[in-house]
Amino acid sequence: MNTPFNLTQWLKQQAPMTPPADDFGAIYQQVKPVNDNKNIMPWALAATLGLLTISLLFLNQTGPTDNQNPKMTGMDQLTQQIRVLEQNLQSEATALVSQPGSALLENQVQLEQWLSVINDRLKQINNSQQRQTLLNAKRTVLQSLAAKNHTIQLI
């Protein structure tokens, strides 16, 4: 009759053996993960630098618009726009003929009063940020006045 083979008993009966120290390198070469990503890092770095360069060129690209000088600052462009609006309003100066107390006439009077207040404040302020804010407000008032002039019909 066959006796069942007991692996545990057989291992206990074997003499202890020390593994050879120089075989570790060969075993590691067989089981180490294959590194196919060696060439990805330089390509990823090159792609990142390329995208960064293109985005910086795109963001820093400032070309002249319409009749503006490309070397003009934001403040200079704003004053240029205000000058053009003022010249247009002066060249189209027409007398308003409207009923006394009409909303159109009252609106224009209020806009002209605001324009006067803004001009007075501009003469007093030296801070560039406050000055730019006032110039933006002046441009808005002038645009509103120009829009009203185009819709008024003279009697």
N, C-alpha and C. Protein backbone atom coordinates (compact mmCIF):
# COMPACT_ATOMS: atom_id res chain seq x y z
N MET A 1 0.81 -1.14 0.00
CA MET A 1 0.00 0.00 0.00
C MET A 1 0.88 1.23 0.00
N ASN A 2 0.33 2.20 -0.68
CA ASN A 2 1.08 3.45 -0.80
C ASN A 2 0.81 4.33 0.41
N THR A 3 1.88 4.84 0.91
CA THR A 3 1.70 5.78 2.02
C THR A 3 1.61 7.18 1.43
N PRO A 4 0.77 8.01 1.97
CA PRO A 4 0.64 9.36 1.45
C PRO A 4 1.94 10.15 1.69
N PHE A 5 2.28 10.98 0.71
CA PHE A 5 3.50 11.79 0.78
C PHE A 5 3.18 13.06 1.55
N ASN A 6 3.95 13.31 2.57
CA ASN A 6 3.75 14.48 3.40
C ASN A 6 4.89 15.46 3.12
N LEU A 7 4.61 16.54 2.45
CA LEU A 7 5.61 17.52 2.05
C LEU A 7 6.22 18.22 3.26
N THR A 8 5.41 18.50 4.23
CA THR A 8 5.90 19.20 5.40
C THR A 8 6.96 18.36 6.12
N GLN A 9 6.69 17.09 6.26
CA GLN A 9 7.64 16.22 6.92
C GLN A 9 8.93 16.10 6.11
N TRP A 10 8.79 16.03 4.83
CA TRP A 10 9.97 15.90 3.97
C TRP A 10 10.85 17.14 4.08
N LEU A 11 10.23 18.38 4.06
CA LEU A 11 11.00 19.62 4.18
C LEU A 11 11.71 19.72 5.52
N LYS A 12 11.09 19.24 6.56
CA LYS A 12 11.71 19.30 7.89
C LYS A 12 12.92 18.38 7.95
N GLN A 13 12.91 17.33 7.18
CA GLN A 13 14.01 16.38 7.20
C GLN A 13 15.21 16.86 6.38
N GLN A 14 15.03 17.79 5.51
CA GLN A 14 16.11 18.26 4.67
C GLN A 14 17.08 19.13 5.48
N ALA A 15 18.32 19.10 5.05
CA ALA A 15 19.34 19.91 5.72
C ALA A 15 19.20 21.35 5.28
N PRO A 16 19.39 22.30 6.19
CA PRO A 16 19.27 23.71 5.80
C PRO A 16 20.37 24.10 4.82
N MET A 17 19.99 24.88 3.84
CA MET A 17 20.94 25.33 2.80
C MET A 17 20.90 26.84 2.72
N THR A 18 22.02 27.45 2.50
CA THR A 18 22.07 28.90 2.30
C THR A 18 22.08 29.16 0.80
N PRO A 19 21.28 30.09 0.35
CA PRO A 19 21.25 30.38 -1.07
C PRO A 19 22.53 31.09 -1.50
N PRO A 20 22.96 30.88 -2.71
CA PRO A 20 24.16 31.57 -3.17
C PRO A 20 23.91 33.08 -3.28
N ALA A 21 24.87 33.84 -2.85
CA ALA A 21 24.72 35.29 -2.83
C ALA A 21 24.78 35.90 -4.22
N ASP A 22 25.50 35.33 -5.14
CA ASP A 22 25.67 35.93 -6.46
C ASP A 22 24.52 35.63 -7.42
N ASP A 23 23.56 34.83 -7.03
CA ASP A 23 22.42 34.55 -7.90
C ASP A 23 21.32 35.62 -7.78
N PHE A 24 21.41 36.47 -6.80
CA PHE A 24 20.36 37.49 -6.61
C PHE A 24 20.24 38.40 -7.84
N GLY A 25 21.35 38.80 -8.43
CA GLY A 25 21.31 39.66 -9.61
C GLY A 25 20.60 38.99 -10.77
N ALA A 26 20.85 37.72 -10.99
CA ALA A 26 20.20 37.00 -12.09
C ALA A 26 18.71 36.85 -11.84
N ILE A 27 18.35 36.56 -10.59
CA ILE A 27 16.91 36.42 -10.27
C ILE A 27 16.22 37.77 -10.43
N TYR A 28 16.86 38.85 -9.97
CA TYR A 28 16.25 40.18 -10.08
C TYR A 28 16.05 40.58 -11.54
N GLN A 29 16.99 40.25 -12.40
CA GLN A 29 16.86 40.56 -13.82
C GLN A 29 15.66 39.84 -14.43
N GLN A 30 15.35 38.64 -13.92
CA GLN A 30 14.22 37.89 -14.45
C GLN A 30 12.88 38.42 -13.96
N VAL A 31 12.83 38.94 -12.74
CA VAL A 31 11.54 39.36 -12.17
C VAL A 31 11.33 40.86 -12.14
N LYS A 32 12.32 41.68 -12.43
CA LYS A 32 12.14 43.13 -12.36
C LYS A 32 11.15 43.58 -13.44
N PRO A 33 10.40 44.63 -13.15
CA PRO A 33 9.43 45.12 -14.16
C PRO A 33 10.18 45.73 -15.34
N VAL A 34 9.63 45.51 -16.50
CA VAL A 34 10.23 46.04 -17.71
C VAL A 34 9.91 47.53 -17.77
N ASN A 35 10.93 48.35 -17.92
CA ASN A 35 10.76 49.81 -17.93
C ASN A 35 10.75 50.30 -19.37
N ASP A 36 9.54 50.38 -19.95
CA ASP A 36 9.40 50.89 -21.31
C ASP A 36 9.28 52.40 -21.34
N ASN A 37 9.23 53.01 -20.17
CA ASN A 37 9.01 54.46 -20.09
C ASN A 37 10.31 55.25 -20.10
N LYS A 38 11.39 54.66 -20.51
CA LYS A 38 12.67 55.35 -20.51
C LYS A 38 12.64 56.56 -21.45
N ASN A 39 12.03 56.42 -22.59
CA ASN A 39 12.05 57.49 -23.59
C ASN A 39 10.88 58.45 -23.45
N ILE A 40 9.96 58.20 -22.55
CA ILE A 40 8.79 59.08 -22.41
C ILE A 40 9.17 60.37 -21.70
N MET A 41 10.05 60.31 -20.74
CA MET A 41 10.40 61.50 -19.96
C MET A 41 11.01 62.61 -20.83
N PRO A 42 11.98 62.35 -21.68
CA PRO A 42 12.50 63.44 -22.51
C PRO A 42 11.45 64.01 -23.46
N TRP A 43 10.61 63.14 -24.02
CA TRP A 43 9.56 63.63 -24.92
C TRP A 43 8.52 64.46 -24.17
N ALA A 44 8.17 64.02 -22.97
CA ALA A 44 7.20 64.79 -22.18
C ALA A 44 7.77 66.16 -21.82
N LEU A 45 9.04 66.20 -21.46
CA LEU A 45 9.69 67.47 -21.14
C LEU A 45 9.74 68.38 -22.36
N ALA A 46 10.07 67.81 -23.52
CA ALA A 46 10.12 68.61 -24.75
C ALA A 46 8.74 69.13 -25.11
N ALA A 47 7.71 68.30 -24.96
CA ALA A 47 6.34 68.74 -25.28
C ALA A 47 5.89 69.85 -24.32
N THR A 48 6.23 69.71 -23.05
CA THR A 48 5.85 70.73 -22.07
C THR A 48 6.52 72.06 -22.38
N LEU A 49 7.81 72.02 -22.69
CA LEU A 49 8.51 73.25 -23.02
C LEU A 49 7.95 73.88 -24.30
N GLY A 50 7.60 73.05 -25.27
CA GLY A 50 7.02 73.56 -26.51
C GLY A 50 5.69 74.24 -26.26
N LEU A 51 4.82 73.60 -25.48
CA LEU A 51 3.52 74.20 -25.16
C LEU A 51 3.67 75.49 -24.36
N LEU A 52 4.62 75.50 -23.44
CA LEU A 52 4.86 76.70 -22.65
C LEU A 52 5.33 77.85 -23.54
N THR A 53 6.23 77.56 -24.47
CA THR A 53 6.74 78.59 -25.38
C THR A 53 5.62 79.12 -26.27
N ILE A 54 4.82 78.23 -26.81
CA ILE A 54 3.72 78.66 -27.69
C ILE A 54 2.71 79.48 -26.92
N SER A 55 2.37 79.06 -25.69
CA SER A 55 1.39 79.82 -24.91
C SER A 55 1.92 81.19 -24.52
N LEU A 56 3.21 81.28 -24.18
CA LEU A 56 3.79 82.59 -23.85
C LEU A 56 3.81 83.51 -25.06
N LEU A 57 4.14 82.96 -26.22
CA LEU A 57 4.13 83.77 -27.44
C LEU A 57 2.71 84.24 -27.76
N PHE A 58 1.75 83.38 -27.55
CA PHE A 58 0.36 83.74 -27.83
C PHE A 58 -0.14 84.81 -26.86
N LEU A 59 0.19 84.68 -25.58
CA LEU A 59 -0.27 85.65 -24.59
C LEU A 59 0.44 86.99 -24.71
N ASN A 60 1.70 86.98 -25.08
CA ASN A 60 2.46 88.23 -25.18
C ASN A 60 2.31 88.90 -26.52
N GLN A 61 1.57 88.30 -27.41
CA GLN A 61 1.41 88.88 -28.74
C GLN A 61 0.46 90.07 -28.65
N THR A 62 1.01 91.25 -28.90
CA THR A 62 0.20 92.46 -28.87
C THR A 62 0.39 93.16 -30.20
N GLY A 63 -0.63 93.15 -30.98
CA GLY A 63 -0.57 93.82 -32.27
C GLY A 63 -1.38 95.10 -32.23
N PRO A 64 -1.12 96.01 -33.14
CA PRO A 64 -1.88 97.26 -33.17
C PRO A 64 -3.32 96.99 -33.58
N THR A 65 -4.23 97.73 -32.96
CA THR A 65 -5.63 97.60 -33.32
C THR A 65 -6.07 98.89 -34.00
N ASP A 66 -6.79 98.75 -35.07
CA ASP A 66 -7.33 99.86 -35.86
C ASP A 66 -6.29 100.96 -36.08
N ASN A 67 -6.49 102.12 -35.44
CA ASN A 67 -5.61 103.25 -35.66
C ASN A 67 -4.72 103.53 -34.44
N GLN A 68 -4.51 102.52 -33.61
CA GLN A 68 -3.76 102.76 -32.39
C GLN A 68 -2.30 102.39 -32.58
N ASN A 69 -1.46 103.15 -31.95
CA ASN A 69 -0.02 102.90 -31.99
C ASN A 69 0.29 101.71 -31.08
N PRO A 70 1.07 100.72 -31.54
CA PRO A 70 1.32 99.55 -30.69
C PRO A 70 2.15 99.86 -29.45
N LYS A 71 2.81 101.01 -29.41
CA LYS A 71 3.64 101.36 -28.25
C LYS A 71 2.85 102.15 -27.20
N MET A 72 1.59 102.41 -27.45
CA MET A 72 0.79 103.19 -26.52
C MET A 72 0.41 102.33 -25.32
N THR A 73 0.41 102.94 -24.13
CA THR A 73 -0.02 102.25 -22.93
C THR A 73 -1.54 102.31 -22.83
N GLY A 74 -2.09 101.64 -21.85
CA GLY A 74 -3.54 101.63 -21.66
C GLY A 74 -4.08 103.02 -21.38
N MET A 75 -3.33 103.80 -20.61
CA MET A 75 -3.76 105.17 -20.28
C MET A 75 -3.74 106.05 -21.52
N ASP A 76 -2.72 105.89 -22.36
CA ASP A 76 -2.63 106.67 -23.59
C ASP A 76 -3.76 106.31 -24.55
N GLN A 77 -4.08 105.03 -24.64
CA GLN A 77 -5.18 104.61 -25.51
C GLN A 77 -6.51 105.16 -25.01
N LEU A 78 -6.67 105.18 -23.69
CA LEU A 78 -7.89 105.71 -23.11
C LEU A 78 -8.03 107.20 -23.40
N THR A 79 -6.95 107.97 -23.24
CA THR A 79 -7.04 109.40 -23.53
C THR A 79 -7.25 109.64 -25.03
N GLN A 80 -6.68 108.79 -25.87
CA GLN A 80 -6.91 108.89 -27.32
C GLN A 80 -8.39 108.67 -27.65
N GLN A 81 -8.99 107.66 -27.05
CA GLN A 81 -10.41 107.38 -27.29
C GLN A 81 -11.27 108.55 -26.81
N ILE A 82 -10.91 109.13 -25.68
CA ILE A 82 -11.68 110.27 -25.14
C ILE A 82 -11.56 111.46 -26.08
N ARG A 83 -10.34 111.72 -26.59
CA ARG A 83 -10.16 112.83 -27.53
C ARG A 83 -11.03 112.65 -28.77
N VAL A 84 -11.06 111.42 -29.30
CA VAL A 84 -11.86 111.16 -30.50
C VAL A 84 -13.34 111.37 -30.21
N LEU A 85 -13.81 110.89 -29.06
CA LEU A 85 -15.22 111.08 -28.70
C LEU A 85 -15.56 112.56 -28.54
N GLU A 86 -14.65 113.32 -27.89
CA GLU A 86 -14.91 114.75 -27.71
C GLU A 86 -14.93 115.48 -29.05
N GLN A 87 -14.02 115.12 -29.96
CA GLN A 87 -14.01 115.74 -31.28
C GLN A 87 -15.29 115.42 -32.05
N ASN A 88 -15.76 114.19 -31.94
CA ASN A 88 -17.00 113.81 -32.62
C ASN A 88 -18.19 114.58 -32.06
N LEU A 89 -18.22 114.74 -30.75
CA LEU A 89 -19.33 115.49 -30.14
C LEU A 89 -19.28 116.96 -30.53
N GLN A 90 -18.08 117.55 -30.60
CA GLN A 90 -17.97 118.97 -30.97
C GLN A 90 -18.30 119.18 -32.43
N SER A 91 -17.93 118.24 -33.28
CA SER A 91 -18.22 118.42 -34.71
C SER A 91 -19.70 118.23 -35.01
N GLU A 92 -20.38 117.46 -34.18
CA GLU A 92 -21.81 117.23 -34.39
C GLU A 92 -22.67 118.11 -33.49
N ALA A 93 -22.09 119.18 -33.00
CA ALA A 93 -22.82 120.04 -32.07
C ALA A 93 -24.06 120.61 -32.73
N THR A 94 -25.19 120.19 -32.25
CA THR A 94 -26.47 120.69 -32.74
C THR A 94 -27.28 121.14 -31.54
N ALA A 95 -28.12 122.10 -31.79
CA ALA A 95 -28.96 122.59 -30.71
C ALA A 95 -30.10 121.61 -30.49
N LEU A 96 -30.30 121.27 -29.24
CA LEU A 96 -31.40 120.38 -28.91
C LEU A 96 -32.69 121.17 -28.85
N VAL A 97 -33.64 120.71 -29.58
CA VAL A 97 -34.95 121.33 -29.50
C VAL A 97 -35.88 120.27 -28.96
N SER A 98 -36.35 120.52 -27.77
CA SER A 98 -37.20 119.54 -27.12
C SER A 98 -38.14 120.28 -26.18
N GLN A 99 -39.12 119.59 -25.74
CA GLN A 99 -40.06 120.17 -24.80
C GLN A 99 -39.36 120.41 -23.47
N PRO A 100 -39.62 121.54 -22.82
CA PRO A 100 -39.00 121.79 -21.51
C PRO A 100 -39.39 120.68 -20.53
N GLY A 101 -38.39 120.18 -19.80
CA GLY A 101 -38.65 119.13 -18.81
C GLY A 101 -38.73 117.74 -19.40
N SER A 102 -38.41 117.58 -20.68
CA SER A 102 -38.49 116.24 -21.27
C SER A 102 -37.38 115.35 -20.70
N ALA A 103 -37.60 114.07 -20.69
CA ALA A 103 -36.64 113.13 -20.13
C ALA A 103 -35.33 113.15 -20.93
N LEU A 104 -35.42 113.34 -22.23
CA LEU A 104 -34.23 113.36 -23.08
C LEU A 104 -33.34 114.56 -22.74
N LEU A 105 -33.96 115.71 -22.59
CA LEU A 105 -33.21 116.91 -22.25
C LEU A 105 -32.63 116.82 -20.84
N GLU A 106 -33.41 116.30 -19.90
CA GLU A 106 -32.94 116.15 -18.53
C GLU A 106 -31.76 115.17 -18.46
N ASN A 107 -31.83 114.11 -19.22
CA ASN A 107 -30.76 113.12 -19.25
C ASN A 107 -29.48 113.75 -19.78
N GLN A 108 -29.57 114.54 -20.85
CA GLN A 108 -28.39 115.16 -21.41
C GLN A 108 -27.79 116.16 -20.43
N VAL A 109 -28.62 116.91 -19.76
CA VAL A 109 -28.13 117.89 -18.78
C VAL A 109 -27.39 117.17 -17.65
N GLN A 110 -27.95 116.06 -17.17
CA GLN A 110 -27.29 115.30 -16.10
C GLN A 110 -25.95 114.73 -16.57
N LEU A 111 -25.90 114.21 -17.79
CA LEU A 111 -24.65 113.68 -18.32
C LEU A 111 -23.59 114.79 -18.45
N GLU A 112 -24.01 115.98 -18.89
CA GLU A 112 -23.06 117.09 -19.00
C GLU A 112 -22.58 117.54 -17.63
N GLN A 113 -23.46 117.49 -16.62
CA GLN A 113 -23.04 117.84 -15.26
C GLN A 113 -22.03 116.81 -14.74
N TRP A 114 -22.28 115.53 -15.00
CA TRP A 114 -21.33 114.49 -14.59
C TRP A 114 -19.98 114.69 -15.28
N LEU A 115 -20.04 115.05 -16.54
CA LEU A 115 -18.81 115.29 -17.29
C LEU A 115 -18.02 116.44 -16.66
N SER A 116 -18.70 117.47 -16.24
CA SER A 116 -18.05 118.60 -15.58
C SER A 116 -17.42 118.18 -14.26
N VAL A 117 -18.13 117.36 -13.48
CA VAL A 117 -17.60 116.88 -12.19
C VAL A 117 -16.38 116.00 -12.41
N ILE A 118 -16.45 115.12 -13.40
CA ILE A 118 -15.31 114.23 -13.69
C ILE A 118 -14.09 115.04 -14.13
N ASN A 119 -14.31 116.05 -14.97
CA ASN A 119 -13.19 116.89 -15.41
C ASN A 119 -12.55 117.63 -14.24
N ASP A 120 -13.37 118.12 -13.29
CA ASP A 120 -12.82 118.79 -12.11
C ASP A 120 -12.00 117.82 -11.26
N ARG A 121 -12.48 116.61 -11.07
CA ARG A 121 -11.74 115.62 -10.29
C ARG A 121 -10.46 115.20 -10.99
N LEU A 122 -10.48 115.11 -12.30
CA LEU A 122 -9.28 114.74 -13.05
C LEU A 122 -8.18 115.77 -12.87
N LYS A 123 -8.55 117.04 -12.73
CA LYS A 123 -7.55 118.09 -12.53
C LYS A 123 -6.89 117.99 -11.16
N GLN A 124 -7.59 117.40 -10.18
CA GLN A 124 -7.10 117.36 -8.81
C GLN A 124 -6.32 116.08 -8.49
N ILE A 125 -6.51 115.01 -9.24
CA ILE A 125 -5.95 113.70 -8.87
C ILE A 125 -4.66 113.42 -9.62
N ASN A 126 -3.65 112.93 -8.87
CA ASN A 126 -2.37 112.54 -9.47
C ASN A 126 -2.16 111.03 -9.46
N ASN A 127 -2.96 110.29 -8.70
CA ASN A 127 -2.84 108.84 -8.61
C ASN A 127 -3.27 108.22 -9.94
N SER A 128 -2.40 107.40 -10.53
CA SER A 128 -2.68 106.87 -11.87
C SER A 128 -3.87 105.93 -11.89
N GLN A 129 -4.06 105.14 -10.84
CA GLN A 129 -5.19 104.20 -10.82
C GLN A 129 -6.52 104.96 -10.72
N GLN A 130 -6.58 105.96 -9.85
CA GLN A 130 -7.80 106.75 -9.74
C GLN A 130 -8.04 107.54 -11.02
N ARG A 131 -6.96 108.01 -11.62
CA ARG A 131 -7.07 108.76 -12.87
C ARG A 131 -7.64 107.87 -13.98
N GLN A 132 -7.17 106.62 -14.04
CA GLN A 132 -7.67 105.70 -15.06
C GLN A 132 -9.15 105.39 -14.83
N THR A 133 -9.54 105.25 -13.58
CA THR A 133 -10.95 105.00 -13.26
C THR A 133 -11.81 106.18 -13.71
N LEU A 134 -11.34 107.39 -13.43
CA LEU A 134 -12.09 108.58 -13.84
C LEU A 134 -12.13 108.72 -15.37
N LEU A 135 -11.03 108.38 -16.03
CA LEU A 135 -11.02 108.44 -17.50
C LEU A 135 -11.99 107.42 -18.10
N ASN A 136 -12.08 106.24 -17.48
CA ASN A 136 -13.07 105.26 -17.94
C ASN A 136 -14.49 105.79 -17.77
N ALA A 137 -14.74 106.45 -16.63
CA ALA A 137 -16.06 107.02 -16.40
C ALA A 137 -16.35 108.14 -17.41
N LYS A 138 -15.34 108.95 -17.71
CA LYS A 138 -15.51 110.03 -18.68
C LYS A 138 -15.81 109.46 -20.06
N ARG A 139 -15.11 108.39 -20.44
CA ARG A 139 -15.37 107.76 -21.74
C ARG A 139 -16.81 107.23 -21.80
N THR A 140 -17.27 106.64 -20.71
CA THR A 140 -18.64 106.12 -20.67
C THR A 140 -19.66 107.24 -20.82
N VAL A 141 -19.43 108.36 -20.13
CA VAL A 141 -20.36 109.50 -20.22
C VAL A 141 -20.34 110.07 -21.64
N LEU A 142 -19.16 110.19 -22.24
CA LEU A 142 -19.07 110.72 -23.61
C LEU A 142 -19.75 109.78 -24.60
N GLN A 143 -19.61 108.48 -24.40
CA GLN A 143 -20.29 107.54 -25.28
C GLN A 143 -21.80 107.65 -25.13
N SER A 144 -22.26 107.88 -23.91
CA SER A 144 -23.70 108.05 -23.69
C SER A 144 -24.20 109.33 -24.36
N LEU A 145 -23.41 110.39 -24.26
CA LEU A 145 -23.79 111.65 -24.91
C LEU A 145 -23.80 111.49 -26.43
N ALA A 146 -22.84 110.79 -26.98
CA ALA A 146 -22.78 110.59 -28.43
C ALA A 146 -23.97 109.76 -28.90
N ALA A 147 -24.34 108.76 -28.12
CA ALA A 147 -25.48 107.93 -28.50
C ALA A 147 -26.76 108.74 -28.47
N LYS A 148 -26.90 109.68 -27.53
CA LYS A 148 -28.09 110.50 -27.47
C LYS A 148 -28.14 111.47 -28.63
N ASN A 149 -27.01 111.99 -29.05
CA ASN A 149 -26.98 112.95 -30.15
C ASN A 149 -27.44 112.31 -31.46
N HIS A 150 -27.15 111.04 -31.66
CA HIS A 150 -27.50 110.40 -32.90
C HIS A 150 -28.99 110.10 -32.99
N THR A 151 -29.67 110.03 -31.84
CA THR A 151 -31.09 109.67 -31.87
C THR A 151 -32.01 110.89 -31.78
N ILE A 152 -31.45 112.06 -31.59
CA ILE A 152 -32.30 113.26 -31.44
C ILE A 152 -32.71 113.78 -32.81
N GLN A 153 -33.98 114.05 -32.93
CA GLN A 153 -34.47 114.65 -34.18
C GLN A 153 -34.78 116.12 -33.90
N LEU A 154 -34.25 116.96 -34.75
CA LEU A 154 -34.50 118.39 -34.59
C LEU A 154 -35.85 118.75 -35.18
N ILE A 155 -36.50 119.72 -34.55
CA ILE A 155 -37.81 120.16 -35.03
C ILE A 155 -37.61 121.28 -36.03
